[in-house]
N, C-alpha and C. Protein backbone atom coordinates (compact mmCIF):
# COMPACT_ATOMS: atom_id res chain seq x y z
N UNK A 1 161.79 103.23 49.48
CA UNK A 1 162.46 103.86 50.61
C UNK A 1 161.44 104.12 51.69
N UNK A 2 161.97 103.85 52.80
CA UNK A 2 161.07 104.02 53.90
C UNK A 2 161.83 104.44 55.14
N UNK A 3 161.11 105.20 56.14
CA UNK A 3 161.66 105.59 57.42
C UNK A 3 160.59 106.25 58.23
N UNK A 4 160.90 106.65 59.48
CA UNK A 4 159.87 107.22 60.31
C UNK A 4 159.62 108.66 59.96
N UNK A 5 158.39 109.13 60.19
CA UNK A 5 158.06 110.52 59.92
C UNK A 5 158.69 111.43 60.96
N UNK A 6 158.94 112.67 60.55
CA UNK A 6 159.51 113.64 61.48
C UNK A 6 158.42 114.63 61.88
N UNK A 7 157.62 114.26 62.86
CA UNK A 7 156.53 115.08 63.31
C UNK A 7 157.05 116.18 64.24
N UNK A 8 156.25 117.21 64.52
CA UNK A 8 156.69 118.25 65.44
C UNK A 8 156.96 117.69 66.83
N UNK A 9 157.69 118.42 67.65
CA UNK A 9 157.97 117.98 69.00
C UNK A 9 156.67 117.72 69.75
N UNK A 10 156.66 116.69 70.58
CA UNK A 10 155.44 116.32 71.29
C UNK A 10 155.27 117.23 72.51
N UNK A 11 154.47 118.21 72.36
CA UNK A 11 154.20 119.15 73.44
C UNK A 11 152.71 119.21 73.67
N UNK A 12 152.34 119.56 74.87
CA UNK A 12 150.94 119.50 75.28
C UNK A 12 150.05 120.49 74.55
N UNK A 13 150.61 121.57 74.04
CA UNK A 13 149.79 122.64 73.48
C UNK A 13 149.70 122.64 71.96
N UNK A 14 149.96 121.50 71.33
CA UNK A 14 149.74 121.41 69.89
C UNK A 14 148.26 121.64 69.58
N UNK A 15 147.93 122.16 68.39
CA UNK A 15 146.52 122.24 67.99
C UNK A 15 145.90 120.85 68.04
N UNK A 16 144.58 120.75 68.26
CA UNK A 16 143.94 119.43 68.45
C UNK A 16 144.26 118.42 67.35
N UNK A 17 144.16 118.82 66.08
CA UNK A 17 144.40 117.87 65.00
C UNK A 17 145.85 117.39 65.01
N UNK A 18 146.79 118.29 65.25
CA UNK A 18 148.20 117.91 65.30
C UNK A 18 148.48 117.02 66.50
N UNK A 19 147.82 117.30 67.60
CA UNK A 19 148.01 116.49 68.81
C UNK A 19 147.51 115.07 68.58
N UNK A 20 146.40 114.93 67.88
CA UNK A 20 145.85 113.61 67.56
C UNK A 20 146.82 112.85 66.65
N UNK A 21 147.31 113.52 65.60
CA UNK A 21 148.25 112.87 64.68
C UNK A 21 149.54 112.49 65.39
N UNK A 22 149.99 113.35 66.28
CA UNK A 22 151.22 113.09 67.02
C UNK A 22 151.07 111.85 67.89
N UNK A 23 149.94 111.76 68.59
CA UNK A 23 149.68 110.61 69.45
C UNK A 23 149.51 109.34 68.61
N UNK A 24 148.80 109.45 67.49
CA UNK A 24 148.59 108.28 66.63
C UNK A 24 149.92 107.77 66.09
N UNK A 25 150.78 108.68 65.66
CA UNK A 25 152.08 108.27 65.15
C UNK A 25 152.86 107.47 66.18
N UNK A 26 152.93 108.00 67.39
CA UNK A 26 153.71 107.33 68.43
C UNK A 26 153.15 105.94 68.72
N UNK A 27 151.83 105.83 68.80
CA UNK A 27 151.22 104.54 69.13
C UNK A 27 151.30 103.56 67.96
N UNK A 28 151.03 104.03 66.75
CA UNK A 28 151.12 103.14 65.59
C UNK A 28 152.54 102.61 65.42
N UNK A 29 153.53 103.46 65.65
CA UNK A 29 154.92 103.05 65.50
C UNK A 29 155.33 102.05 66.58
N UNK A 30 154.88 102.26 67.80
CA UNK A 30 155.35 101.43 68.91
C UNK A 30 154.53 100.16 69.08
N UNK A 31 153.23 100.19 68.71
CA UNK A 31 152.36 99.06 69.00
C UNK A 31 151.70 98.45 67.77
N UNK A 32 151.72 99.14 66.65
CA UNK A 32 151.05 98.63 65.46
C UNK A 32 149.67 99.23 65.30
N UNK A 33 149.16 99.16 64.08
CA UNK A 33 147.88 99.80 63.77
C UNK A 33 146.72 99.06 64.43
N UNK A 34 146.67 97.75 64.26
CA UNK A 34 145.52 96.99 64.72
C UNK A 34 145.38 96.99 66.24
N UNK A 35 146.47 97.00 66.95
CA UNK A 35 146.41 96.92 68.41
C UNK A 35 145.99 98.23 69.04
N UNK A 36 146.09 99.32 68.32
CA UNK A 36 145.82 100.64 68.89
C UNK A 36 144.36 101.02 68.62
N UNK A 37 143.63 101.30 69.67
CA UNK A 37 142.23 101.71 69.53
C UNK A 37 142.12 103.23 69.45
N UNK A 38 140.98 103.70 68.96
CA UNK A 38 140.73 105.13 68.92
C UNK A 38 140.73 105.69 70.33
N UNK A 39 140.22 104.91 71.29
CA UNK A 39 140.21 105.37 72.68
C UNK A 39 141.64 105.57 73.19
N UNK A 40 142.55 104.67 72.83
CA UNK A 40 143.94 104.81 73.26
C UNK A 40 144.57 106.07 72.67
N UNK A 41 144.25 106.35 71.41
CA UNK A 41 144.78 107.56 70.78
C UNK A 41 144.22 108.79 71.48
N UNK A 42 142.93 108.76 71.81
CA UNK A 42 142.30 109.89 72.50
C UNK A 42 142.98 110.14 73.85
N UNK A 43 143.25 109.09 74.58
CA UNK A 43 143.90 109.24 75.90
C UNK A 43 145.31 109.79 75.74
N UNK A 44 146.05 109.28 74.74
CA UNK A 44 147.41 109.76 74.51
C UNK A 44 147.42 111.23 74.10
N UNK A 45 146.41 111.62 73.33
CA UNK A 45 146.33 113.01 72.84
C UNK A 45 145.64 113.93 73.84
N UNK A 46 145.20 113.37 74.96
CA UNK A 46 144.49 114.15 75.98
C UNK A 46 143.26 114.83 75.38
N UNK A 47 142.47 114.00 74.68
CA UNK A 47 141.23 114.49 74.08
C UNK A 47 140.20 113.38 74.18
N UNK A 48 139.16 113.44 73.37
CA UNK A 48 138.08 112.44 73.41
C UNK A 48 137.92 111.78 72.04
N UNK A 49 137.28 110.61 72.04
CA UNK A 49 136.99 109.94 70.78
C UNK A 49 136.14 110.83 69.88
N UNK A 50 135.17 111.53 70.48
CA UNK A 50 134.31 112.41 69.70
C UNK A 50 135.14 113.48 68.99
N UNK A 51 136.15 114.01 69.68
CA UNK A 51 137.01 115.04 69.08
C UNK A 51 137.80 114.45 67.91
N UNK A 52 138.27 113.22 68.06
CA UNK A 52 139.01 112.58 66.96
C UNK A 52 138.12 112.45 65.74
N UNK A 53 136.87 112.00 65.95
CA UNK A 53 135.96 111.80 64.82
C UNK A 53 135.49 113.11 64.20
N UNK A 54 135.69 114.22 64.88
CA UNK A 54 135.42 115.51 64.25
C UNK A 54 136.48 115.83 63.21
N UNK A 55 137.69 115.33 63.43
CA UNK A 55 138.80 115.60 62.50
C UNK A 55 138.98 114.49 61.47
N UNK A 56 138.66 113.25 61.85
CA UNK A 56 138.85 112.09 60.98
C UNK A 56 137.59 111.24 61.03
N UNK A 57 137.01 110.96 59.88
CA UNK A 57 135.75 110.23 59.84
C UNK A 57 135.87 108.84 60.46
N UNK A 58 137.00 108.20 60.24
CA UNK A 58 137.21 106.84 60.72
C UNK A 58 138.66 106.68 61.18
N UNK A 59 138.93 105.59 61.87
CA UNK A 59 140.31 105.26 62.22
C UNK A 59 141.13 105.05 60.96
N UNK A 60 140.53 104.42 59.94
CA UNK A 60 141.24 104.20 58.68
C UNK A 60 141.70 105.52 58.06
N UNK A 61 140.86 106.53 58.15
CA UNK A 61 141.23 107.85 57.61
C UNK A 61 142.40 108.44 58.40
N UNK A 62 142.43 108.21 59.70
CA UNK A 62 143.54 108.68 60.52
C UNK A 62 144.84 107.96 60.15
N UNK A 63 144.76 106.65 59.95
CA UNK A 63 145.94 105.88 59.53
C UNK A 63 146.46 106.40 58.19
N UNK A 64 145.55 106.63 57.27
CA UNK A 64 145.95 107.12 55.94
C UNK A 64 146.62 108.48 56.03
N UNK A 65 146.11 109.36 56.88
CA UNK A 65 146.72 110.69 57.02
C UNK A 65 148.10 110.59 57.65
N UNK A 66 148.27 109.72 58.62
CA UNK A 66 149.59 109.52 59.22
C UNK A 66 150.59 109.07 58.15
N UNK A 67 150.18 108.13 57.30
CA UNK A 67 151.10 107.64 56.27
C UNK A 67 151.36 108.69 55.19
N UNK A 68 150.41 109.60 54.96
CA UNK A 68 150.69 110.70 54.04
C UNK A 68 151.82 111.58 54.58
N UNK A 69 151.84 111.77 55.89
CA UNK A 69 152.89 112.56 56.52
C UNK A 69 154.24 111.86 56.36
N UNK A 70 154.25 110.53 56.58
CA UNK A 70 155.49 109.77 56.40
C UNK A 70 155.95 109.87 54.95
N UNK A 71 155.02 109.69 54.02
CA UNK A 71 155.37 109.75 52.60
C UNK A 71 155.91 111.12 52.21
N UNK A 72 155.30 112.17 52.75
CA UNK A 72 155.77 113.53 52.44
C UNK A 72 157.20 113.73 52.90
N UNK A 73 157.57 113.11 54.01
CA UNK A 73 158.94 113.23 54.51
C UNK A 73 159.93 112.63 53.52
N UNK A 74 159.55 111.52 52.90
CA UNK A 74 160.43 110.89 51.93
C UNK A 74 160.48 111.65 50.62
N UNK A 75 159.34 112.17 50.19
CA UNK A 75 159.36 112.98 48.98
C UNK A 75 160.21 114.23 49.19
N UNK A 76 160.18 114.78 50.40
CA UNK A 76 161.00 115.95 50.70
C UNK A 76 162.48 115.62 50.62
N UNK A 77 162.84 114.35 50.87
CA UNK A 77 164.25 113.96 50.76
C UNK A 77 164.74 114.11 49.33
N UNK A 78 163.89 113.81 48.35
CA UNK A 78 164.27 114.04 46.96
C UNK A 78 164.51 115.52 46.70
N UNK A 79 163.62 116.34 47.23
CA UNK A 79 163.76 117.80 47.02
C UNK A 79 165.04 118.33 47.65
N UNK A 80 165.36 117.84 48.86
CA UNK A 80 166.58 118.30 49.52
C UNK A 80 167.82 117.85 48.74
N UNK A 81 167.79 116.62 48.24
CA UNK A 81 168.93 116.11 47.47
C UNK A 81 169.15 116.96 46.23
N UNK A 82 168.07 117.35 45.57
CA UNK A 82 168.18 118.19 44.38
C UNK A 82 168.72 119.56 44.73
N UNK A 83 168.23 120.13 45.84
CA UNK A 83 168.67 121.47 46.23
C UNK A 83 170.14 121.47 46.66
N UNK A 84 170.58 120.40 47.32
CA UNK A 84 171.95 120.34 47.83
C UNK A 84 172.96 119.94 46.77
N UNK A 85 172.50 119.25 45.71
CA UNK A 85 173.41 118.80 44.64
C UNK A 85 172.82 119.14 43.28
N UNK A 86 172.62 120.42 43.02
CA UNK A 86 171.97 120.81 41.75
C UNK A 86 172.77 120.39 40.54
N UNK A 87 172.09 119.81 39.56
CA UNK A 87 172.75 119.40 38.33
C UNK A 87 173.66 118.20 38.48
N UNK A 88 173.62 117.51 39.63
CA UNK A 88 174.48 116.34 39.86
C UNK A 88 173.60 115.15 40.29
N UNK A 89 172.92 114.54 39.35
CA UNK A 89 171.97 113.48 39.71
C UNK A 89 172.58 112.28 40.41
N UNK A 90 173.81 111.92 40.05
CA UNK A 90 174.44 110.80 40.75
C UNK A 90 174.64 111.11 42.23
N UNK A 91 175.04 112.35 42.52
CA UNK A 91 175.18 112.77 43.91
C UNK A 91 173.83 112.78 44.61
N UNK A 92 172.79 113.13 43.89
CA UNK A 92 171.45 113.13 44.47
C UNK A 92 171.02 111.71 44.85
N UNK A 93 171.35 110.75 44.01
CA UNK A 93 171.03 109.35 44.33
C UNK A 93 171.72 108.93 45.62
N UNK A 94 173.00 109.28 45.74
CA UNK A 94 173.74 108.93 46.96
C UNK A 94 173.21 109.68 48.17
N UNK A 95 172.72 110.90 47.97
CA UNK A 95 172.13 111.66 49.08
C UNK A 95 170.86 110.98 49.58
N UNK A 96 170.08 110.43 48.67
CA UNK A 96 168.89 109.69 49.07
C UNK A 96 169.27 108.44 49.86
N UNK A 97 170.31 107.75 49.39
CA UNK A 97 170.79 106.58 50.13
C UNK A 97 171.27 106.98 51.52
N UNK A 98 171.94 108.12 51.62
CA UNK A 98 172.41 108.60 52.91
C UNK A 98 171.24 108.93 53.84
N UNK A 99 170.17 109.48 53.27
CA UNK A 99 168.96 109.77 54.05
C UNK A 99 168.43 108.48 54.70
N UNK A 100 168.40 107.41 53.93
CA UNK A 100 167.94 106.14 54.49
C UNK A 100 168.94 105.60 55.51
N UNK A 101 170.22 105.65 55.16
CA UNK A 101 171.25 105.12 56.07
C UNK A 101 171.23 105.86 57.40
N UNK A 102 171.09 107.18 57.35
CA UNK A 102 171.09 107.96 58.59
C UNK A 102 169.83 107.70 59.43
N UNK A 103 168.74 107.28 58.77
CA UNK A 103 167.51 107.02 59.50
C UNK A 103 167.39 105.61 60.04
N UNK A 104 168.35 104.74 59.70
CA UNK A 104 168.24 103.34 60.11
C UNK A 104 168.18 103.14 61.63
N UNK A 105 168.96 103.88 62.43
CA UNK A 105 168.89 103.62 63.87
C UNK A 105 167.49 103.78 64.46
N UNK A 106 166.66 104.65 63.88
CA UNK A 106 165.32 104.84 64.42
C UNK A 106 164.39 103.70 64.05
N UNK A 107 164.82 102.82 63.13
CA UNK A 107 163.98 101.70 62.70
C UNK A 107 164.29 100.41 63.43
N UNK A 108 165.26 100.42 64.32
CA UNK A 108 165.75 99.17 64.90
C UNK A 108 164.69 98.47 65.74
N UNK A 109 163.72 99.20 66.30
CA UNK A 109 162.72 98.56 67.15
C UNK A 109 161.50 98.12 66.35
N UNK A 110 160.79 99.08 65.76
CA UNK A 110 159.54 98.75 65.07
C UNK A 110 159.70 98.51 63.58
N UNK A 111 160.73 99.07 62.97
CA UNK A 111 160.91 98.87 61.54
C UNK A 111 160.19 99.90 60.69
N UNK A 112 160.19 99.68 59.40
CA UNK A 112 159.63 100.61 58.43
C UNK A 112 158.12 100.72 58.58
N UNK A 113 157.59 101.93 58.71
CA UNK A 113 156.13 102.07 58.87
C UNK A 113 155.36 101.61 57.65
N UNK A 114 155.93 101.74 56.45
CA UNK A 114 155.23 101.27 55.25
C UNK A 114 155.15 99.75 55.23
N UNK A 115 156.27 99.09 55.47
CA UNK A 115 156.28 97.62 55.46
C UNK A 115 155.36 97.08 56.55
N UNK A 116 155.43 97.66 57.74
CA UNK A 116 154.58 97.22 58.84
C UNK A 116 153.10 97.40 58.50
N UNK A 117 152.79 98.55 57.91
CA UNK A 117 151.39 98.84 57.59
C UNK A 117 150.85 97.89 56.52
N UNK A 118 151.67 97.59 55.51
CA UNK A 118 151.25 96.65 54.48
C UNK A 118 150.95 95.28 55.08
N UNK A 119 151.75 94.87 56.05
CA UNK A 119 151.55 93.57 56.69
C UNK A 119 150.25 93.55 57.49
N UNK A 120 149.88 94.69 58.07
CA UNK A 120 148.68 94.75 58.89
C UNK A 120 147.41 95.03 58.10
N UNK A 121 147.55 95.50 56.87
CA UNK A 121 146.39 95.92 56.09
C UNK A 121 146.37 95.15 54.76
N UNK A 122 145.89 93.92 54.77
CA UNK A 122 145.94 93.09 53.55
C UNK A 122 144.98 93.55 52.45
N UNK A 123 143.95 94.29 52.79
CA UNK A 123 142.97 94.73 51.80
C UNK A 123 143.54 95.87 50.96
N UNK A 124 143.74 95.64 49.67
CA UNK A 124 144.34 96.66 48.82
C UNK A 124 143.43 97.86 48.60
N UNK A 125 142.16 97.72 48.96
CA UNK A 125 141.24 98.85 48.85
C UNK A 125 141.30 99.76 50.07
N UNK A 126 142.03 99.37 51.08
CA UNK A 126 142.15 100.21 52.29
C UNK A 126 142.79 101.53 51.91
N UNK A 127 142.26 102.65 52.40
CA UNK A 127 142.83 103.96 52.00
C UNK A 127 144.30 104.13 52.35
N UNK A 128 144.74 103.51 53.43
CA UNK A 128 146.15 103.64 53.79
C UNK A 128 147.04 102.88 52.82
N UNK A 129 146.59 101.72 52.36
CA UNK A 129 147.37 100.99 51.35
C UNK A 129 147.46 101.79 50.06
N UNK A 130 146.39 102.46 49.72
CA UNK A 130 146.42 103.27 48.51
C UNK A 130 147.42 104.41 48.65
N UNK A 131 147.51 105.00 49.85
CA UNK A 131 148.51 106.04 50.09
C UNK A 131 149.91 105.48 49.87
N UNK A 132 150.17 104.30 50.42
CA UNK A 132 151.49 103.68 50.29
C UNK A 132 151.81 103.38 48.82
N UNK A 133 150.86 102.78 48.11
CA UNK A 133 151.12 102.39 46.73
C UNK A 133 151.35 103.62 45.84
N UNK A 134 150.58 104.67 46.07
CA UNK A 134 150.77 105.91 45.30
C UNK A 134 152.13 106.53 45.60
N UNK A 135 152.50 106.52 46.89
CA UNK A 135 153.81 107.06 47.28
C UNK A 135 154.94 106.26 46.64
N UNK A 136 154.85 104.95 46.69
CA UNK A 136 155.92 104.12 46.14
C UNK A 136 156.04 104.29 44.63
N UNK A 137 154.90 104.43 43.96
CA UNK A 137 154.94 104.63 42.51
C UNK A 137 155.61 105.96 42.17
N UNK A 138 155.27 107.00 42.93
CA UNK A 138 155.89 108.30 42.68
C UNK A 138 157.38 108.26 42.99
N UNK A 139 157.74 107.60 44.07
CA UNK A 139 159.15 107.47 44.45
C UNK A 139 159.94 106.76 43.36
N UNK A 140 159.36 105.69 42.80
CA UNK A 140 160.04 104.95 41.74
C UNK A 140 160.22 105.83 40.50
N UNK A 141 159.19 106.57 40.14
CA UNK A 141 159.31 107.45 38.97
C UNK A 141 160.43 108.47 39.16
N UNK A 142 160.52 109.04 40.35
CA UNK A 142 161.55 110.04 40.60
C UNK A 142 162.94 109.42 40.59
N UNK A 143 163.07 108.21 41.13
CA UNK A 143 164.37 107.56 41.15
C UNK A 143 164.80 107.14 39.74
N UNK A 144 163.86 106.63 38.94
CA UNK A 144 164.18 106.28 37.56
C UNK A 144 164.64 107.52 36.80
N UNK A 145 163.95 108.65 37.02
CA UNK A 145 164.33 109.90 36.35
C UNK A 145 165.74 110.33 36.76
N UNK A 146 166.07 110.18 38.03
CA UNK A 146 167.42 110.53 38.48
C UNK A 146 168.46 109.62 37.82
N UNK A 147 168.16 108.33 37.73
CA UNK A 147 169.10 107.40 37.10
C UNK A 147 169.29 107.75 35.62
N UNK A 148 168.21 108.15 34.96
CA UNK A 148 168.32 108.56 33.56
C UNK A 148 169.15 109.82 33.43
N UNK A 149 168.89 110.79 34.31
CA UNK A 149 169.64 112.05 34.27
C UNK A 149 171.12 111.82 34.57
N UNK A 150 171.42 110.80 35.36
CA UNK A 150 172.81 110.50 35.70
C UNK A 150 173.53 109.75 34.58
N UNK A 151 172.80 109.45 33.51
CA UNK A 151 173.41 108.77 32.38
C UNK A 151 173.58 107.28 32.57
N UNK A 152 172.82 106.68 33.49
CA UNK A 152 172.93 105.24 33.69
C UNK A 152 172.30 104.52 32.50
N UNK A 153 172.91 103.42 32.10
CA UNK A 153 172.54 102.78 30.84
C UNK A 153 171.16 102.13 30.88
N UNK A 154 170.72 101.68 32.03
CA UNK A 154 169.40 101.06 32.17
C UNK A 154 168.75 101.66 33.41
N UNK A 155 168.14 102.84 33.29
CA UNK A 155 167.62 103.55 34.46
C UNK A 155 166.61 102.75 35.28
N UNK A 156 165.72 102.03 34.62
CA UNK A 156 164.71 101.27 35.35
C UNK A 156 165.34 100.13 36.15
N UNK A 157 166.29 99.44 35.56
CA UNK A 157 166.96 98.37 36.27
C UNK A 157 167.79 98.92 37.43
N UNK A 158 168.50 100.01 37.19
CA UNK A 158 169.30 100.62 38.26
C UNK A 158 168.41 101.06 39.41
N UNK A 159 167.27 101.70 39.09
CA UNK A 159 166.34 102.14 40.13
C UNK A 159 165.79 100.95 40.91
N UNK A 160 165.51 99.86 40.22
CA UNK A 160 165.01 98.66 40.90
C UNK A 160 166.07 98.12 41.86
N UNK A 161 167.31 98.04 41.42
CA UNK A 161 168.38 97.52 42.28
C UNK A 161 168.58 98.41 43.50
N UNK A 162 168.56 99.72 43.29
CA UNK A 162 168.73 100.65 44.41
C UNK A 162 167.56 100.51 45.40
N UNK A 163 166.35 100.38 44.87
CA UNK A 163 165.18 100.22 45.75
C UNK A 163 165.28 98.94 46.56
N UNK A 164 165.70 97.84 45.91
CA UNK A 164 165.85 96.58 46.64
C UNK A 164 166.85 96.74 47.79
N UNK A 165 167.94 97.44 47.53
CA UNK A 165 168.97 97.63 48.55
C UNK A 165 168.44 98.48 49.70
N UNK A 166 167.80 99.60 49.37
CA UNK A 166 167.33 100.51 50.41
C UNK A 166 166.28 99.84 51.30
N UNK A 167 165.33 99.15 50.69
CA UNK A 167 164.28 98.54 51.48
C UNK A 167 164.79 97.28 52.18
N UNK A 168 165.65 96.52 51.52
CA UNK A 168 166.21 95.34 52.17
C UNK A 168 167.07 95.69 53.36
N UNK A 169 167.77 96.82 53.29
CA UNK A 169 168.61 97.24 54.41
C UNK A 169 167.78 97.48 55.66
N UNK A 170 166.61 98.03 55.47
CA UNK A 170 165.76 98.33 56.62
C UNK A 170 165.27 97.04 57.29
N UNK A 171 164.92 96.05 56.49
CA UNK A 171 164.49 94.77 57.04
C UNK A 171 165.67 94.06 57.73
N UNK A 172 166.85 94.10 57.10
CA UNK A 172 168.02 93.44 57.67
C UNK A 172 168.42 94.05 59.01
N UNK A 173 168.28 95.38 59.11
CA UNK A 173 168.59 96.02 60.39
C UNK A 173 167.61 95.57 61.46
N UNK A 174 166.34 95.50 61.11
CA UNK A 174 165.33 95.13 62.08
C UNK A 174 165.51 93.71 62.59
N UNK A 175 165.88 92.77 61.69
CA UNK A 175 166.03 91.39 62.15
C UNK A 175 167.43 91.07 62.65
N UNK A 176 168.35 92.03 62.54
CA UNK A 176 169.68 91.86 63.11
C UNK A 176 170.58 90.92 62.35
N UNK A 177 170.25 90.65 61.08
CA UNK A 177 171.03 89.65 60.34
C UNK A 177 172.34 90.19 59.78
N UNK A 178 172.45 91.51 59.61
CA UNK A 178 173.62 92.12 58.99
C UNK A 178 174.14 93.23 59.89
N UNK A 179 175.48 93.31 60.02
CA UNK A 179 176.04 94.42 60.78
C UNK A 179 176.50 95.53 59.83
N UNK A 180 176.79 96.70 60.37
CA UNK A 180 177.25 97.85 59.59
C UNK A 180 176.32 98.11 58.40
N UNK A 181 175.04 98.08 58.66
CA UNK A 181 174.06 98.15 57.57
C UNK A 181 174.17 99.45 56.80
N UNK A 182 174.28 100.58 57.50
CA UNK A 182 174.34 101.87 56.82
C UNK A 182 175.54 101.99 55.90
N UNK A 183 176.71 101.59 56.38
CA UNK A 183 177.92 101.68 55.56
C UNK A 183 177.84 100.74 54.36
N UNK A 184 177.34 99.54 54.59
CA UNK A 184 177.22 98.59 53.48
C UNK A 184 176.21 99.10 52.44
N UNK A 185 175.12 99.66 52.93
CA UNK A 185 174.12 100.22 52.02
C UNK A 185 174.74 101.26 51.10
N UNK A 186 175.52 102.17 51.66
CA UNK A 186 176.13 103.23 50.86
C UNK A 186 177.09 102.66 49.82
N UNK A 187 177.88 101.66 50.21
CA UNK A 187 178.83 101.07 49.26
C UNK A 187 178.09 100.36 48.12
N UNK A 188 177.00 99.67 48.44
CA UNK A 188 176.27 98.94 47.41
C UNK A 188 175.61 99.90 46.43
N UNK A 189 174.98 100.96 46.95
CA UNK A 189 174.33 101.92 46.06
C UNK A 189 175.35 102.59 45.14
N UNK A 190 176.49 102.96 45.70
CA UNK A 190 177.55 103.55 44.87
C UNK A 190 178.00 102.56 43.80
N UNK A 191 178.06 101.26 44.17
CA UNK A 191 178.44 100.24 43.20
C UNK A 191 177.41 100.08 42.09
N UNK A 192 176.13 100.19 42.44
CA UNK A 192 175.08 100.10 41.42
C UNK A 192 175.21 101.26 40.44
N UNK A 193 175.44 102.46 40.97
CA UNK A 193 175.60 103.63 40.10
C UNK A 193 176.78 103.43 39.16
N UNK A 194 177.89 102.97 39.70
CA UNK A 194 179.09 102.74 38.87
C UNK A 194 178.84 101.66 37.81
N UNK A 195 178.19 100.59 38.21
CA UNK A 195 177.96 99.47 37.30
C UNK A 195 177.12 99.89 36.10
N UNK A 196 176.16 100.76 36.32
CA UNK A 196 175.24 101.16 35.25
C UNK A 196 175.68 102.44 34.54
N UNK A 197 176.81 102.99 34.94
CA UNK A 197 177.25 104.24 34.33
C UNK A 197 177.78 103.98 32.92
N UNK A 198 177.36 104.82 31.99
CA UNK A 198 177.84 104.69 30.62
C UNK A 198 179.25 105.27 30.53
N UNK A 199 180.04 104.87 29.54
CA UNK A 199 181.42 105.39 29.42
C UNK A 199 181.48 106.90 29.34
N UNK A 200 180.43 107.52 28.79
CA UNK A 200 180.45 108.98 28.62
C UNK A 200 179.99 109.72 29.85
N UNK A 201 179.52 108.99 30.88
CA UNK A 201 178.99 109.66 32.06
C UNK A 201 180.10 110.26 32.88
N UNK A 202 179.71 111.12 33.84
CA UNK A 202 180.68 111.80 34.70
C UNK A 202 181.36 110.81 35.62
N UNK A 203 182.50 111.18 36.22
CA UNK A 203 183.19 110.31 37.16
C UNK A 203 182.32 109.97 38.36
N UNK A 204 182.70 108.93 39.04
CA UNK A 204 181.96 108.43 40.20
C UNK A 204 181.79 109.49 41.27
N UNK A 205 180.54 109.50 41.86
CA UNK A 205 180.28 110.40 42.99
C UNK A 205 180.84 109.80 44.26
N UNK A 206 181.23 110.69 45.17
CA UNK A 206 181.76 110.24 46.46
C UNK A 206 180.66 109.66 47.30
N UNK A 207 180.99 108.71 48.20
CA UNK A 207 180.01 108.08 49.07
C UNK A 207 179.93 108.75 50.42
N UNK A 208 180.84 109.63 50.75
CA UNK A 208 180.86 110.25 52.07
C UNK A 208 179.91 111.40 52.20
């Protein structure tokens, strides 16, 4: 699962570190990691390169911190789903799908920050790639656990199918190949849950 981070409102009086991260997020999302220089980030943040390096040792460290913020936003979606649907794991799965579906319009221009970053950073030793891989592994573990709690007969397979749908939907929206992406995503995820539900499991969760 992937989507844009929800950073604080862009205002001139943010603390220096937050202002730098805010500027970096906007530039990385709109122009890509490689095309954006530290000088460009400094100008956007109304600061200096020296000030940036006081907070981040390297540009790579800044990229990694930005992606940690994005990852935290997605991990928080699991927490919200649990809080809003306590004891109802199937509903929590659909809430996660809704989180992605609702965020799709913001991805129509630049696309998923994780997918874009992986394309720009081929070195698996890059700290930002490590952030992404750790986040994805944790996300998969949490989704598999939800599928198991929902009584799905093959939790790992169900989680894999749901992940393929969620991430594929984001790519399909970006390339314009499929219409009504959010609605179709919700119907497919609900279908995956139903397909893997054991006879003893609870009735189907609503998609709305």
